[in-house]
Amino acid sequence: MNPKLVGALRRAAIYFVVGYGGLAVINNSGLAADRMWLAYTPLFIGVYVFARWADARIAASGQTKEE
C-alpha cells in the first residue's frame, strides 16, 4: 500500500478517535451553546497537533521495525 495513503489514513483515524472523545467531553460539560466555540477552537487545534505528533511517532516506530 502507498505509504502516503497509509499515513493519511492513520492520521484521520487518530484525529477521529481523539476528536470524537473531546467533543463528547465538551458537549457533556454543560457549557452554554453560545460559548462552545471557546472550547472547540483549542480542542481542534490540540487534536490536530496531537494527531500529527502521534502519527510521526508511529511512523518512526514502524520504520525501525522494518530495518
Protein backbone atom coordinates (compact mmCIF):
# COMPACT_ATOMS: atom_id res chain seq x y z
CA MET A 1 0.00 0.00 0.00
CA ASN A 2 1.17 3.54 -0.73
CA PRO A 3 2.99 4.94 2.35
CA LYS A 4 1.44 8.40 1.88
CA LEU A 5 -2.03 6.88 1.85
CA VAL A 6 -1.29 4.82 4.95
CA GLY A 7 -0.05 7.92 6.78
CA ALA A 8 -3.12 9.92 5.80
CA LEU A 9 -5.48 7.16 6.89
CA ARG A 10 -3.60 6.72 10.16
CA ARG A 11 -3.80 10.48 10.90
CA ALA A 12 -7.50 10.52 10.02
CA ALA A 13 -8.16 7.61 12.39
CA ILE A 14 -6.23 9.27 15.22
CA TYR A 15 -7.99 12.58 14.56
CA PHE A 16 -11.40 10.88 14.54
CA VAL A 17 -10.89 8.96 17.79
CA VAL A 18 -9.33 11.80 19.78
CA GLY A 19 -11.63 14.46 18.29
CA TYR A 20 -14.77 12.42 18.97
CA GLY A 21 -13.69 11.88 22.57
CA GLY A 22 -13.02 15.60 23.01
CA LEU A 23 -16.38 16.52 21.50
CA ALA A 24 -18.16 14.11 23.83
CA VAL A 25 -16.45 15.68 26.85
CA ILE A 26 -17.18 19.25 25.77
CA ASN A 27 -20.78 18.55 24.76
CA ASN A 28 -21.45 16.97 28.17
CA SER A 29 -19.65 19.72 30.09
CA GLY A 30 -22.66 21.97 30.48
CA LEU A 31 -21.22 24.95 28.59
CA ALA A 32 -23.76 27.34 27.12
CA ALA A 33 -24.25 26.81 23.39
CA ASP A 34 -23.07 30.33 22.54
CA ARG A 35 -19.78 29.70 24.40
CA MET A 36 -18.94 26.29 22.93
CA TRP A 37 -16.58 27.79 20.35
CA LEU A 38 -14.29 28.81 23.23
CA ALA A 39 -13.76 25.13 23.95
CA TYR A 40 -13.96 23.81 20.37
CA THR A 41 -11.19 26.03 18.98
CA PRO A 42 -8.37 24.86 21.28
CA LEU A 43 -9.75 21.31 21.15
CA PHE A 44 -9.40 21.00 17.39
CA ILE A 45 -6.01 22.72 17.33
CA GLY A 46 -4.80 20.37 20.07
CA VAL A 47 -6.26 17.32 18.34
CA TYR A 48 -4.54 18.28 15.08
CA VAL A 49 -1.17 18.77 16.79
CA PHE A 50 -1.56 15.52 18.75
CA ALA A 51 -2.56 13.58 15.62
CA ARG A 52 0.50 14.82 13.72
CA TRP A 53 2.79 14.03 16.67
CA ALA A 54 1.31 10.56 17.26
CA ASP A 55 1.47 9.75 13.55
CA ALA A 56 5.13 10.75 13.40
CA ARG A 57 5.90 8.55 16.41
CA ILE A 58 4.01 5.59 14.94
CA ALA A 59 5.68 6.02 11.54
CA ALA A 60 9.13 6.23 13.12
CA SER A 61 8.38 3.11 15.16
CA GLY A 62 7.30 1.26 12.03
CA GLN A 63 10.43 2.23 10.11
CA THR A 64 12.77 0.92 12.81
CA LYS A 65 10.97 -2.44 12.79
CA GLU A 66 11.34 -2.73 9.02
CA GLU A 67 15.11 -2.22 9.11
